[in-house]
C-alpha cells in the first residue's frame, strides 16, 4: 500500500498499460514522485496493439528502451508487406500485395523522418519492457491488484482523493494526489466523471483470437505481416477477417503465435469459445487440419469516439483509451495514447513547481490533443471502411453479388502481369498521419496559414497523410537532422531530437555570439548548430529544414514540438510566453 494517509503524491496514475507505464517512466526521469494503480495482477495477456510508429519509438528513445524494443520486435523479413488472399488452402490465391510501414521502397523516405524506426511488437511483449523500465526507475511506484473505484475533488483543496481497493479487499483506502492521469482504457472513469463521448460507437462487433500454430509453413509469402482474407463466396473482405503473426521472434514452428481478427457474426457461430473460434480460423484459412492451440479470445466493439474534454476537472486528465477509442486499422491507437502523455507530463512538471503560474498551460493539453484524437479516430474508421468501400470495390466485388460474379471480378488479379493495387495508402503508407501531425493552436503567429503548414495540409484543409513535410512552424514536431561534434574527426553523431532536455526548452541557434546564450537558464537550454557551435550540421539537413536565417533560432519544447522560431530583431524571445505554446 502507499504511505501514510497524510501523504500527497504529486501525481497518481490510473492504469498500467502502455500509456500508464510511459507516464510513470516520464515522471521518474524528471524526478517526480508518483504512484500507479493497476487493477490486474500484471501486464496484459491479450496481444492488443502491434504497430509502433516513429514518433512513439522516438519517445521510447527518450525513455531508454528503444533498443530493447528493437531487440524483440518483428524482423523486417516478416513485417514488411501486407497482402490480400482468398485463403491459404490449396485453392487459395493471392489477390494483391504491397510493401508497408516504411519497408522496401519506402525505407529511404522513412529514414529521413526520424532517428528512430517503425517497429512491430504486440502489446503483450511491449508492456513487460515498459514495466521493467518503470520499476528500475521507481520500484515502489507500481501497485498491481489495486483498483481505483472513485476519484473526487473538493473545491479549495489542492489535491484529489482516490478510493483504492487493494487485492480485492475492503475497506478501500484513500490516496491523495495533486494531479491524476486517468489511463484506465475508458472502462469507467471517463463516464463516471461525466464526460460525454463524441463520434461513432458500436460500429461492428469483433473478436480477436490469439493462438499458437505452425502456420508459417502454409503461408506462400512470409514477408506478408498482415494477410487480409477476401472470400468471394462470403461477399468480400468486410465479412472475412485478417491474420498476423506476433512472434516470439525468431519464430519456431512449435512457438509461433498468431492472431485472427474477424466479425464473429459473419459465419453465425452458435457460441464464441475456443473450439468454435479454432473452427472459424480453419474455415477462414481453408486449412481444415491445421493444429491450433487457442491462447485467448477477446470480444470487442469497433469505436471511433473521443472524450468531449481531456481535462474534465482541475486535477484529472484523460489519456489513451480513456480519452479516445480508435479502430486499429492504421495502428494509431496506442501510439496516440503514448503521445498524449508525452504532451502532458512536461506541463505537469511545470505546474508542480508553480501551479498558479502554469495552470493555463495545463488547459492547453486539451486544446492540443483533443483534435488529434478526433482526427485519428476518423482516419482509422476510414481505413476500416476502405476495406469494403474501396478495396472490394476496386476488386469488383460486392456482398450483393453472387459468388460466381465475385470470383469473375477477381480473375484479372490472378494474372501475374496484373499491376496490382496501391490503394489504402492512408493505412499502409501514411507518414503524414504517423509523424506529420501538428498542433495548429500552437502556431500563435499564424505562420502556417501562408503555406498550408509547409504542405502538411491539403488544399481542402485536411492533414496530408501520404507524405511528411518537415517544418519548424510552431506546433510542428522538430524536423530530424543528424549532427556531429564540431572539430572532432569522425565525431559522435546525434539527432536533433537527442539534444532536447526533459526539463527545459531547447534553443537551437545557428550562430554563437548573437545573443542567444544570455537566455540560458532554468527554462531554456541553448545549443549552437553551425558557426562557432559545438555541433556541425552533418548532412546539411538542419540548414535546409530549420526555417530561420543564420542569425535565427528555433525553440523546441520538451515533448519535441517547436514552440518558437525567429530572430532577435523579429521578436524578443524574452517576450515569448510558455502559455502561448
Protein backbone atom coordinates (compact mmCIF):
# COMPACT_ATOMS: atom_id res chain seq x y z
CA UNK A 1 0.00 0.00 0.00
CA UNK A 2 1.08 3.64 -0.39
CA UNK A 3 2.46 5.56 2.55
CA UNK A 4 0.61 7.35 5.33
CA UNK A 5 -2.83 8.84 4.81
CA UNK A 6 -1.27 12.29 5.17
CA UNK A 7 0.96 11.82 2.12
CA UNK A 8 0.03 13.71 -1.04
CA UNK A 9 1.57 12.30 -4.21
CA UNK A 10 2.43 14.85 -6.88
CA UNK A 11 0.83 12.53 -9.49
CA UNK A 12 -1.32 9.39 -9.37
CA UNK A 13 -1.78 7.25 -12.49
CA UNK A 14 -4.82 5.04 -13.01
CA UNK A 15 -3.98 2.19 -15.38
CA UNK A 16 -0.84 0.16 -16.01
CA UNK A 17 -1.00 -0.35 -19.77
CA UNK A 18 1.48 1.28 -22.18
CA UNK A 19 0.12 4.78 -21.55
CA UNK A 20 0.23 4.49 -17.77
CA UNK A 21 3.67 2.85 -17.76
CA UNK A 22 5.09 5.51 -20.10
CA UNK A 23 3.64 8.14 -17.76
CA UNK A 24 5.46 6.54 -14.84
CA UNK A 25 8.77 6.44 -16.72
CA UNK A 26 8.46 10.05 -17.88
CA UNK A 27 7.73 11.20 -14.33
CA UNK A 28 10.62 9.17 -12.88
CA UNK A 29 13.06 10.57 -15.43
CA UNK A 30 12.07 14.03 -14.20
CA UNK A 31 12.43 13.00 -10.56
CA UNK A 32 8.71 13.43 -9.81
CA UNK A 33 7.32 11.10 -7.12
CA UNK A 34 4.11 9.32 -8.13
CA UNK A 35 2.06 6.17 -7.77
CA UNK A 36 0.48 3.94 -10.42
CA UNK A 37 -2.57 1.76 -9.74
CA UNK A 38 -3.40 -1.22 -11.98
CA UNK A 39 -6.35 -3.49 -11.20
CA UNK A 40 -4.81 -6.51 -12.98
CA UNK A 41 -2.11 -8.67 -11.36
CA UNK A 42 0.46 -7.80 -14.04
CA UNK A 43 0.80 -6.82 -17.70
CA UNK A 44 -1.74 -7.62 -20.41
CA UNK A 45 -2.45 -11.20 -21.53
CA UNK A 46 -4.03 -10.13 -24.84
CA UNK A 47 -1.97 -9.15 -27.92
CA UNK A 48 -3.75 -5.79 -28.49
CA UNK A 49 -1.73 -3.06 -30.26
CA UNK A 50 1.14 -4.11 -32.52
CA UNK A 51 2.46 -1.30 -34.77
CA UNK A 52 4.74 1.29 -33.15
CA UNK A 53 5.31 4.31 -35.36
CA UNK A 54 8.35 6.56 -35.45
CA UNK A 55 7.01 9.28 -33.15
CA UNK A 56 6.47 6.63 -30.48
CA UNK A 57 9.83 4.91 -30.96
CA UNK A 58 11.34 8.41 -30.60
CA UNK A 59 9.65 8.59 -27.22
CA UNK A 60 10.99 5.13 -26.38
CA UNK A 61 14.41 6.50 -27.31
CA UNK A 62 13.91 9.17 -24.64
CA UNK A 63 12.66 6.57 -22.15
CA UNK A 64 15.81 4.46 -22.65
CA UNK A 65 14.04 1.39 -24.08
CA UNK A 66 14.32 1.88 -27.84
CA UNK A 67 16.97 -0.79 -28.36
CA UNK A 68 15.15 -3.19 -26.02
CA UNK A 69 12.08 -2.87 -28.23
CA UNK A 70 14.01 -3.41 -31.45
CA UNK A 71 15.71 -6.49 -29.96
CA UNK A 72 12.43 -8.40 -29.68
CA UNK A 73 10.38 -6.70 -32.42
CA UNK A 74 9.41 -8.50 -35.60
CA UNK A 75 12.29 -8.72 -38.09
CA UNK A 76 11.94 -6.86 -41.41
CA UNK A 77 11.73 -10.08 -43.40
CA UNK A 78 8.34 -10.89 -41.81
CA UNK A 79 6.93 -7.41 -41.14
CA UNK A 80 7.50 -5.55 -44.39
CA UNK A 81 4.45 -6.33 -46.51
CA UNK A 82 0.71 -6.82 -46.46
CA UNK A 83 -1.41 -8.87 -48.85
CA UNK A 84 -4.93 -9.90 -49.78
CA UNK A 85 -5.69 -13.60 -50.27
CA UNK A 86 -8.76 -15.69 -50.88
CA UNK A 87 -7.36 -18.26 -48.41
CA UNK A 88 -4.17 -20.13 -47.56
CA UNK A 89 -5.59 -23.50 -48.59
CA UNK A 90 -4.77 -25.50 -51.75
CA UNK A 91 -7.22 -23.42 -53.79
CA UNK A 92 -6.18 -20.12 -52.23
CA UNK A 93 -4.83 -17.30 -54.38
CA UNK A 94 -3.05 -14.02 -53.76
CA UNK A 95 -5.15 -11.10 -54.99
CA UNK A 96 -2.70 -8.27 -54.33
CA UNK A 97 0.25 -7.40 -52.10
CA UNK A 98 2.35 -4.36 -51.28
CA UNK A 99 5.14 -3.03 -49.08
CA UNK A 100 4.04 -1.11 -46.00
CA UNK A 101 5.15 0.63 -42.79
CA UNK A 102 8.29 2.17 -44.21
CA UNK A 103 9.73 -1.04 -45.64
CA UNK A 104 11.07 -1.89 -49.09
CA UNK A 105 10.94 1.08 -51.49
CA UNK A 106 9.76 3.37 -48.66
CA UNK A 107 12.76 2.71 -46.39
CA UNK A 108 14.89 5.64 -47.53
CA UNK A 109 11.96 8.06 -47.32
CA UNK A 110 11.06 6.97 -43.78
CA UNK A 111 14.71 7.11 -42.61
CA UNK A 112 14.63 10.88 -43.19
CA UNK A 113 11.67 11.37 -40.86
CA UNK A 114 13.25 10.38 -37.57
CA UNK A 115 16.32 8.88 -35.90
CA UNK A 116 14.03 6.00 -34.88
CA UNK A 117 12.43 3.17 -36.86
CA UNK A 118 8.93 1.79 -37.18
CA UNK A 119 8.65 -1.36 -35.03
CA UNK A 120 6.21 -4.25 -34.91
CA UNK A 121 5.73 -5.66 -31.42
CA UNK A 122 2.49 -6.83 -29.80
CA UNK A 123 1.44 -5.18 -26.57
CA UNK A 124 1.88 -8.42 -24.59
CA UNK A 125 5.62 -8.21 -25.32
CA UNK A 126 5.94 -4.42 -25.12
CA UNK A 127 4.34 -3.98 -21.70
CA UNK A 128 6.93 -6.12 -19.84
CA UNK A 129 9.69 -3.92 -21.28
CA UNK A 130 7.89 -0.80 -20.09
CA UNK A 131 7.16 -2.35 -16.70
CA UNK A 132 10.79 -3.34 -16.16
CA UNK A 133 11.99 0.16 -17.03
CA UNK A 134 9.39 1.77 -14.76
CA UNK A 135 10.45 -0.47 -11.89
CA UNK A 136 14.15 0.24 -12.50
CA UNK A 137 13.46 3.94 -12.07
CA UNK A 138 10.97 3.72 -9.20
CA UNK A 139 10.36 0.24 -7.81
CA UNK A 140 7.80 1.47 -5.27
CA UNK A 141 5.57 3.34 -7.71
CA UNK A 142 3.76 0.44 -9.39
CA UNK A 143 0.85 -1.05 -7.45
CA UNK A 144 -0.78 -4.08 -9.08
CA UNK A 145 -4.07 -5.63 -7.91
CA UNK A 146 -5.01 -2.09 -6.93
CA UNK A 147 -8.37 -0.96 -8.32
CA UNK A 148 -9.33 2.69 -8.19
CA UNK A 149 -13.07 2.86 -7.62
CA UNK A 150 -13.59 6.61 -7.31
CA UNK A 151 -11.89 9.96 -7.78
CA UNK A 152 -13.25 13.07 -6.17
CA UNK A 153 -12.24 16.68 -5.59
CA UNK A 154 -13.42 19.31 -3.15
CA UNK A 155 -13.37 22.99 -4.03
CA UNK A 156 -10.46 24.68 -2.34
CA UNK A 157 -8.40 21.52 -1.88
CA UNK A 158 -5.04 21.34 -3.61
CA UNK A 159 -5.38 17.59 -4.21
CA UNK A 160 -7.77 14.89 -5.46
CA UNK A 161 -8.77 11.83 -3.40
CA UNK A 162 -8.70 8.37 -4.97
CA UNK A 163 -10.55 5.43 -3.45
CA UNK A 164 -8.37 2.34 -3.94
CA UNK A 165 -9.20 -1.31 -3.30
CA UNK A 166 -6.04 -3.36 -2.79
CA UNK A 167 -6.06 -7.08 -3.63
CA UNK A 168 -9.84 -7.01 -3.92
CA UNK A 169 -10.24 -6.45 -0.19
CA UNK A 170 -12.27 -3.99 1.81
CA UNK A 171 -12.03 -1.40 3.17
CA UNK A 172 -10.94 0.90 0.38
CA UNK A 173 -8.02 3.21 1.07
CA UNK A 174 -7.91 6.95 0.44
CA UNK A 175 -4.93 8.14 -1.60
CA UNK A 176 -4.36 11.83 -2.26
CA UNK A 177 -2.62 13.32 -5.29
CA UNK A 178 -2.21 16.79 -6.69
CA UNK A 179 -2.87 15.56 -10.22
CA UNK A 180 -4.36 12.36 -11.64
CA UNK A 181 -3.68 10.81 -15.06
CA UNK A 182 -6.61 8.58 -15.96
CA UNK A 183 -5.24 5.96 -18.38
CA UNK A 184 -7.59 3.14 -17.46
CA UNK A 185 -8.71 2.40 -21.01
CA UNK A 186 -12.02 4.20 -20.69
CA UNK A 187 -13.55 1.36 -18.71
CA UNK A 188 -15.09 3.55 -16.07
CA UNK A 189 -13.75 6.96 -15.20
CA UNK A 190 -14.48 8.89 -18.36
CA UNK A 191 -18.18 8.14 -17.84
CA UNK A 192 -18.01 8.49 -14.05
CA UNK A 193 -16.52 11.95 -14.42
CA UNK A 194 -19.50 12.97 -16.55
CA UNK A 195 -17.53 13.33 -19.77
CA UNK A 196 -19.55 12.83 -22.94
CA UNK A 197 -18.20 10.65 -25.77
CA UNK A 198 -18.34 12.14 -29.28
CA UNK A 199 -18.01 10.32 -32.60
CA UNK A 200 -19.31 6.93 -33.76
CA UNK A 201 -19.65 3.99 -31.38
CA UNK A 202 -20.52 0.28 -31.60
CA UNK A 203 -19.90 0.18 -35.35
CA UNK A 204 -19.06 -3.53 -35.54
CA UNK A 205 -18.73 -6.45 -33.15
CA UNK A 206 -15.34 -8.12 -33.46
CA UNK A 207 -13.39 -10.89 -31.82
CA UNK A 208 -9.63 -11.37 -31.58
CA UNK A 209 -8.39 -14.96 -31.46
CA UNK A 210 -4.82 -15.42 -30.21
CA UNK A 211 -3.47 -18.90 -30.91
CA UNK A 212 -0.33 -20.97 -31.35
CA UNK A 213 0.09 -22.83 -34.65
CA UNK A 214 2.89 -23.80 -37.11
CA UNK A 215 1.16 -21.63 -39.67
CA UNK A 216 4.16 -20.08 -41.43
CA UNK A 217 4.80 -23.28 -43.40
CA UNK A 218 1.36 -22.88 -45.01
CA UNK A 219 1.84 -19.23 -45.96
CA UNK A 220 3.14 -18.74 -49.52
CA UNK A 221 4.87 -15.42 -48.71
CA UNK A 222 6.21 -14.98 -45.16
CA UNK A 223 7.03 -11.32 -45.83
CA UNK A 224 3.33 -10.51 -45.54
CA UNK A 225 2.87 -9.50 -41.93
CA UNK A 226 -0.89 -8.86 -42.21
CA UNK A 227 -2.88 -11.10 -44.53
CA UNK A 228 -6.38 -9.87 -45.37
CA UNK A 229 -8.80 -12.55 -46.47
CA UNK A 230 -11.28 -11.56 -49.13
CA UNK A 231 -13.51 -14.55 -49.72
CA UNK A 232 -15.69 -14.10 -52.82
CA UNK A 233 -18.20 -16.67 -51.57
CA UNK A 234 -18.67 -14.58 -48.41
CA UNK A 235 -19.11 -11.29 -50.23
CA UNK A 236 -15.68 -9.72 -49.69
CA UNK A 237 -13.17 -8.64 -47.07
CA UNK A 238 -15.52 -6.95 -44.60
CA UNK A 239 -17.13 -10.34 -43.91
CA UNK A 240 -13.96 -12.40 -43.65
CA UNK A 241 -11.06 -11.29 -41.39
CA UNK A 242 -7.32 -10.71 -41.19
CA UNK A 243 -4.36 -12.64 -39.82
CA UNK A 244 -0.95 -11.65 -38.46
CA UNK A 245 1.96 -13.25 -36.64
CA UNK A 246 3.06 -11.89 -33.26
CA UNK A 247 6.25 -13.87 -32.59
CA UNK A 248 8.02 -14.55 -30.37
CA UNK A 249 10.90 -13.94 -32.75
CA UNK A 250 12.98 -15.63 -34.03
CA UNK A 251 9.99 -17.82 -34.79
CA UNK A 252 10.00 -21.59 -34.39
CA UNK A 253 7.15 -23.81 -35.65
CA UNK A 254 6.36 -25.03 -32.15
CA UNK A 255 6.22 -21.49 -30.66
CA UNK A 256 4.64 -19.42 -33.46
CA UNK A 257 1.79 -17.25 -32.20
CA UNK A 258 -0.85 -15.73 -34.47
CA UNK A 259 -3.90 -13.52 -34.30
CA UNK A 260 -7.06 -13.70 -36.38
CA UNK A 261 -9.45 -10.75 -36.11
CA UNK A 262 -12.93 -11.18 -37.53
CA UNK A 263 -16.59 -10.38 -37.17
CA UNK A 264 -17.98 -13.38 -35.31
CA UNK A 265 -21.40 -12.99 -36.87
CA UNK A 266 -20.13 -13.47 -40.39
CA UNK A 267 -20.45 -17.25 -40.11
CA UNK A 268 -23.09 -17.16 -37.37
CA UNK A 269 -21.31 -19.38 -34.83
CA UNK A 270 -23.62 -20.69 -32.14
CA UNK A 271 -21.13 -19.75 -29.46
CA UNK A 272 -17.83 -17.91 -29.26
CA UNK A 273 -15.50 -20.25 -27.41
CA UNK A 274 -12.09 -21.78 -28.09
CA UNK A 275 -13.44 -24.68 -30.15
CA UNK A 276 -15.77 -22.51 -32.23
CA UNK A 277 -13.03 -19.96 -32.92
CA UNK A 278 -10.49 -22.66 -33.84
CA UNK A 279 -13.00 -23.93 -36.39
CA UNK A 280 -13.55 -20.39 -37.61
CA UNK A 281 -9.80 -19.96 -38.12
CA UNK A 282 -9.56 -23.22 -40.09
CA UNK A 283 -12.59 -22.31 -42.19
CA UNK A 284 -11.30 -18.81 -42.99
CA UNK A 285 -7.85 -20.09 -43.91
CA UNK A 286 -9.26 -23.18 -45.67
CA UNK A 287 -6.86 -25.40 -43.70
CA UNK A 288 -9.17 -27.98 -42.10
CA UNK A 289 -6.39 -29.97 -40.40
CA UNK A 290 -4.44 -27.01 -39.02
CA UNK A 291 -3.29 -27.69 -35.43
CA UNK A 292 -4.41 -24.83 -33.17
CA UNK A 293 -3.73 -24.15 -29.50
CA UNK A 294 -6.12 -21.32 -28.63
CA UNK A 295 -4.48 -19.00 -26.09
CA UNK A 296 -7.07 -16.25 -25.61
CA UNK A 297 -10.26 -14.78 -27.04
CA UNK A 298 -11.13 -11.10 -26.76
CA UNK A 299 -14.51 -9.79 -27.99
CA UNK A 300 -14.62 -6.05 -28.64
CA UNK A 301 -16.54 -3.33 -30.42
CA UNK A 302 -15.26 -1.01 -33.12
CA UNK A 303 -15.50 2.56 -31.83
CA UNK A 304 -14.26 5.85 -33.23
CA UNK A 305 -15.02 8.11 -30.29
CA UNK A 306 -13.24 10.76 -28.26
CA UNK A 307 -13.89 12.49 -24.96
CA UNK A 308 -15.54 15.88 -25.01
CA UNK A 309 -12.97 17.13 -22.50
CA UNK A 310 -9.47 15.81 -21.82
CA UNK A 311 -9.26 17.81 -18.58
CA UNK A 312 -12.66 17.08 -17.04
CA UNK A 313 -11.74 18.55 -13.64
CA UNK A 314 -8.99 20.79 -12.35
CA UNK A 315 -6.84 17.85 -11.26
CA UNK A 316 -7.79 14.95 -13.55
CA UNK A 317 -6.53 14.39 -17.11
CA UNK A 318 -7.68 11.73 -19.56
CA UNK A 319 -5.14 9.94 -21.77
CA UNK A 320 -5.06 6.96 -24.11
CA UNK A 321 -8.26 4.97 -24.47
CA UNK A 322 -9.79 6.96 -21.62
CA UNK A 323 -9.68 9.95 -23.98
CA UNK A 324 -10.19 8.27 -27.36
CA UNK A 325 -11.11 4.81 -28.61
CA UNK A 326 -9.62 4.35 -32.03
CA UNK A 327 -10.17 1.49 -34.52
CA UNK A 328 -6.93 -0.47 -35.02
CA UNK A 329 -6.84 -0.01 -38.81
CA UNK A 330 -3.71 2.13 -39.21
CA UNK A 331 -2.17 1.24 -35.83
CA UNK A 332 -2.70 4.70 -34.38
CA UNK A 333 -4.46 3.97 -31.07
CA UNK A 334 -1.66 3.09 -28.64
CA UNK A 335 0.70 5.48 -30.42
CA UNK A 336 -1.72 8.34 -29.91
CA UNK A 337 -2.04 7.48 -26.21
CA UNK A 338 1.70 7.44 -25.60
CA UNK A 339 1.95 10.75 -27.43
CA UNK A 340 -0.84 12.14 -25.20
CA UNK A 341 1.17 11.74 -22.02
CA UNK A 342 4.37 12.97 -23.64
CA UNK A 343 2.47 16.20 -24.30
CA UNK A 344 1.00 16.30 -20.79
CA UNK A 345 3.81 15.41 -18.42
CA UNK A 346 6.26 18.23 -19.17
CA UNK A 347 3.36 20.61 -18.47
CA UNK A 348 2.54 18.84 -15.20
CA UNK A 349 6.20 19.15 -14.20
CA UNK A 350 5.98 22.93 -14.50
CA UNK A 351 2.61 23.10 -12.75
CA UNK A 352 4.00 21.11 -9.83
CA UNK A 353 6.61 23.86 -9.40
CA UNK A 354 4.14 26.76 -9.64
CA UNK A 355 0.52 25.77 -10.13
CA UNK A 356 -0.87 29.30 -10.25
CA UNK A 357 1.57 30.31 -12.97
CA UNK A 358 1.17 27.26 -15.17
CA UNK A 359 -2.47 26.24 -14.68
CA UNK A 360 -3.39 27.75 -18.06
CA UNK A 361 -0.63 25.66 -19.64
CA UNK A 362 -2.43 22.54 -18.41
CA UNK A 363 -5.57 23.61 -20.29
CA UNK A 364 -3.53 23.53 -23.49
CA UNK A 365 -3.25 19.75 -23.15
CA UNK A 366 -6.95 19.55 -24.08
CA UNK A 367 -6.60 22.22 -26.77
CA UNK A 368 -3.75 20.35 -28.48
CA UNK A 369 -4.55 16.69 -28.02
CA UNK A 370 -8.33 16.54 -28.42
CA UNK A 371 -8.26 17.44 -32.16
CA UNK A 372 -5.62 14.74 -32.65
CA UNK A 373 -7.81 12.09 -31.00
CA UNK A 374 -10.78 13.12 -33.12
CA UNK A 375 -8.85 13.10 -36.39
CA UNK A 376 -7.08 9.81 -35.72
CA UNK A 377 -10.41 8.16 -34.96
CA UNK A 378 -11.89 9.40 -38.23
CA UNK A 379 -8.83 8.29 -40.20
CA UNK A 380 -8.84 4.82 -38.67
CA UNK A 381 -12.55 4.42 -39.30
CA UNK A 382 -11.99 5.46 -42.91
CA UNK A 383 -9.30 2.79 -43.17
CA UNK A 384 -11.71 0.15 -41.87
CA UNK A 385 -14.44 1.12 -44.29
CA UNK A 386 -11.97 1.27 -47.13
CA UNK A 387 -11.57 -2.48 -46.99
CA UNK A 388 -15.12 -2.83 -48.26
CA UNK A 389 -15.90 0.55 -49.82
CA UNK A 390 -12.55 0.91 -51.57
CA UNK A 391 -10.71 -2.40 -51.71
CA UNK A 392 -13.65 -4.67 -52.52
CA UNK A 393 -14.97 -2.07 -54.95
CA UNK A 394 -11.57 -1.84 -56.61
CA UNK A 395 -11.60 -5.60 -56.94
CA UNK A 396 -15.12 -5.51 -58.37
CA UNK A 397 -16.66 -7.48 -55.51
CA UNK A 398 -19.81 -6.83 -53.53
CA UNK A 399 -21.86 -8.57 -50.87
CA UNK A 400 -24.80 -8.17 -53.27
CA UNK A 401 -23.08 -10.20 -55.99
CA UNK A 402 -23.29 -13.94 -56.36
CA UNK A 403 -20.14 -15.94 -55.50
CA UNK A 404 -19.69 -16.60 -59.25
CA UNK A 405 -19.79 -12.88 -60.03
CA UNK A 406 -17.25 -12.11 -57.30
CA UNK A 407 -14.88 -14.85 -58.50
CA UNK A 408 -15.15 -13.47 -62.02
CA UNK A 409 -14.32 -9.98 -60.80
CA UNK A 410 -11.16 -11.28 -59.14
CA UNK A 411 -9.92 -13.23 -62.15
CA UNK A 412 -7.71 -10.43 -63.60
CA UNK A 413 -5.81 -10.16 -60.28
CA UNK A 414 -4.63 -13.74 -60.59
CA UNK A 415 -2.76 -12.82 -63.77
CA UNK A 416 0.92 -12.35 -62.77
CA UNK A 417 1.22 -9.46 -65.24
CA UNK A 418 -1.55 -7.52 -63.49
CA UNK A 419 -0.15 -4.34 -61.87
CA UNK A 420 -2.00 -4.95 -58.60
CA UNK A 421 -3.22 -2.11 -56.38
CA UNK A 422 -1.69 0.59 -54.23
CA UNK A 423 -4.96 1.58 -52.61
CA UNK A 424 -5.30 2.15 -48.87
CA UNK A 425 -2.20 4.34 -48.56
CA UNK A 426 -3.83 6.08 -45.58
CA UNK A 427 -3.34 2.82 -43.68
CA UNK A 428 -0.16 1.26 -45.00
CA UNK A 429 1.95 4.18 -46.16
CA UNK A 430 0.90 7.20 -44.15
CA UNK A 431 3.84 9.09 -42.62
CA UNK A 432 1.80 12.28 -42.67
CA UNK A 433 -0.63 10.70 -40.19
CA UNK A 434 2.09 8.96 -38.17
CA UNK A 435 4.75 11.67 -37.88
CA UNK A 436 3.34 14.73 -39.66
CA UNK A 437 0.60 15.62 -37.17
CA UNK A 438 0.93 19.02 -35.51
CA UNK A 439 -0.88 21.43 -33.20
CA UNK A 440 -2.48 24.30 -35.16
CA UNK A 441 -3.28 26.11 -31.90
CA UNK A 442 0.45 26.42 -31.13
CA UNK A 443 1.02 28.44 -34.31
CA UNK A 444 0.42 31.66 -32.36
CA UNK A 445 1.58 33.99 -35.16
CA UNK A 446 -0.42 32.23 -37.87
CA UNK A 447 2.62 31.36 -39.99
CA UNK A 448 1.10 28.11 -41.22
CA UNK A 449 -1.82 29.76 -42.98
CA UNK A 450 0.51 31.19 -45.61
CA UNK A 451 1.88 27.82 -46.71
CA UNK A 452 -0.73 25.24 -45.67
CA UNK A 453 1.72 24.40 -42.90
CA UNK A 454 4.52 23.84 -45.41
CA UNK A 455 2.31 21.43 -47.34
CA UNK A 456 1.16 19.22 -44.46
CA UNK A 457 -2.41 20.38 -45.07
CA UNK A 458 -4.20 19.70 -48.33
CA UNK A 459 -5.97 22.45 -50.25
CA UNK A 460 -9.16 21.26 -48.55
CA UNK A 461 -7.54 21.88 -45.16
CA UNK A 462 -7.17 18.18 -44.24
CA UNK A 463 -3.97 16.57 -42.99
CA UNK A 464 -1.94 15.23 -45.94
CA UNK A 465 -1.28 11.64 -44.86
CA UNK A 466 0.74 10.09 -47.69
CA UNK A 467 3.83 12.25 -47.18
CA UNK A 468 5.53 14.05 -44.31
CA UNK A 469 6.59 17.67 -44.83
CA UNK A 470 9.12 18.69 -42.14
CA UNK A 471 8.55 22.15 -40.72
CA UNK A 472 9.61 24.38 -37.85
CA UNK A 473 6.36 26.34 -37.86
CA UNK A 474 5.39 26.45 -34.17
CA UNK A 475 3.25 23.46 -33.30
CA UNK A 476 5.11 21.01 -35.55
CA UNK A 477 7.44 18.24 -34.39
CA UNK A 478 11.03 19.37 -34.75
CA UNK A 479 12.47 18.01 -38.02
CA UNK A 480 15.06 15.27 -37.90
CA UNK A 481 18.69 16.01 -38.76
CA UNK A 482 21.96 14.33 -37.83
CA UNK A 483 24.55 16.43 -36.02
CA UNK A 484 28.22 15.80 -35.37
CA UNK A 485 30.64 17.07 -32.72
CA UNK A 486 32.40 20.15 -34.02
CA UNK A 487 36.11 19.75 -34.65
CA UNK A 488 36.19 16.03 -33.88
CA UNK A 489 37.22 13.74 -36.71
CA UNK A 490 34.60 11.03 -37.14
CA UNK A 491 32.84 12.66 -34.21
CA UNK A 492 29.81 11.25 -32.49
CA UNK A 493 26.60 11.67 -34.47
CA UNK A 494 23.43 12.57 -32.61
CA UNK A 495 20.00 13.59 -33.76
CA UNK A 496 18.50 16.99 -33.10
CA UNK A 497 15.88 15.07 -31.11
CA UNK A 498 18.61 13.74 -28.79
CA UNK A 499 19.53 17.26 -27.66
CA UNK A 500 16.06 18.02 -26.25
CA UNK A 501 16.21 18.17 -22.43
CA UNK A 502 13.46 16.65 -20.29
CA UNK A 503 13.11 19.69 -18.05
CA UNK A 504 13.88 22.65 -20.32
CA UNK A 505 13.13 24.16 -23.68
CA UNK A 506 15.89 23.66 -26.24
CA UNK A 507 17.03 26.75 -28.13
CA UNK A 508 18.84 25.76 -31.33
CA UNK A 509 20.85 28.71 -32.60
CA UNK A 510 22.71 28.75 -35.90
CA UNK A 511 25.50 31.08 -34.75
CA UNK A 512 27.25 31.85 -31.50
CA UNK A 513 27.61 35.41 -30.18
CA UNK A 514 24.24 36.59 -31.50
CA UNK A 515 22.82 36.97 -28.00
CA UNK A 516 21.04 33.66 -27.59
CA UNK A 517 23.42 32.44 -24.87
CA UNK A 518 22.12 35.01 -22.39
CA UNK A 519 18.79 33.16 -22.40
CA UNK A 520 20.35 30.03 -20.89
CA UNK A 521 18.60 29.28 -17.60
CA UNK A 522 16.19 27.08 -15.72
CA UNK A 523 13.65 27.04 -18.55
CA UNK A 524 15.90 27.25 -21.61
CA UNK A 525 18.98 25.29 -22.68
CA UNK A 526 20.99 26.68 -25.62
CA UNK A 527 22.83 24.65 -28.27
CA UNK A 528 24.54 26.10 -31.34
CA UNK A 529 24.45 24.15 -34.60
CA UNK A 530 26.76 25.87 -37.01
CA UNK A 531 29.34 28.63 -36.87
CA UNK A 532 31.18 28.66 -33.55
CA UNK A 533 28.97 25.96 -32.09
CA UNK A 534 29.55 22.53 -30.64
CA UNK A 535 27.58 20.82 -33.40
CA UNK A 536 28.06 20.55 -37.13
CA UNK A 537 25.06 20.04 -39.42
CA UNK A 538 26.37 16.68 -40.70
CA UNK A 539 24.32 16.40 -43.89
CA UNK A 540 23.05 19.96 -44.30
CA UNK A 541 19.54 18.83 -43.36
CA UNK A 542 19.15 21.18 -40.42
CA UNK A 543 20.08 24.22 -42.52
CA UNK A 544 17.58 23.12 -45.15
CA UNK A 545 14.72 22.47 -42.72
CA UNK A 546 15.19 24.87 -39.81
CA UNK A 547 13.29 27.72 -41.46
CA UNK A 548 15.41 30.54 -39.97
CA UNK A 549 18.34 32.62 -41.14
CA UNK A 550 21.89 32.22 -39.88
CA UNK A 551 21.15 34.72 -37.11
CA UNK A 552 17.93 32.95 -36.15
CA UNK A 553 16.98 30.20 -33.73
CA UNK A 554 14.35 27.55 -33.14
CA UNK A 555 12.94 26.77 -29.69
CA UNK A 556 11.74 23.22 -29.02
CA UNK A 557 9.55 22.10 -26.13
CA UNK A 558 10.46 19.05 -24.01
CA UNK A 559 7.93 16.98 -26.00
CA UNK A 560 9.72 17.72 -29.28
CA UNK A 561 7.25 20.35 -30.51
CA UNK A 562 8.53 23.62 -31.94
CA UNK A 563 7.47 26.46 -29.62
CA UNK A 564 9.00 29.44 -31.43
CA UNK A 565 11.29 30.39 -34.29
CA UNK A 566 12.72 33.68 -35.47
CA UNK A 567 15.41 36.27 -34.96
CA UNK A 568 16.15 38.60 -32.08
CA UNK A 569 15.33 41.51 -34.36
CA UNK A 570 11.96 39.95 -35.25
CA UNK A 571 10.71 39.29 -31.76
CA UNK A 572 12.44 39.09 -28.43
CA UNK A 573 12.25 35.57 -27.10
CA UNK A 574 12.03 37.03 -23.60
CA UNK A 575 8.54 38.24 -24.57
CA UNK A 576 7.51 34.72 -25.52
CA UNK A 577 5.16 33.09 -23.00
CA UNK A 578 5.02 29.37 -22.32
CA UNK A 579 1.25 29.65 -22.26
CA UNK A 580 1.34 30.54 -25.95
CA UNK A 581 2.95 27.19 -26.76
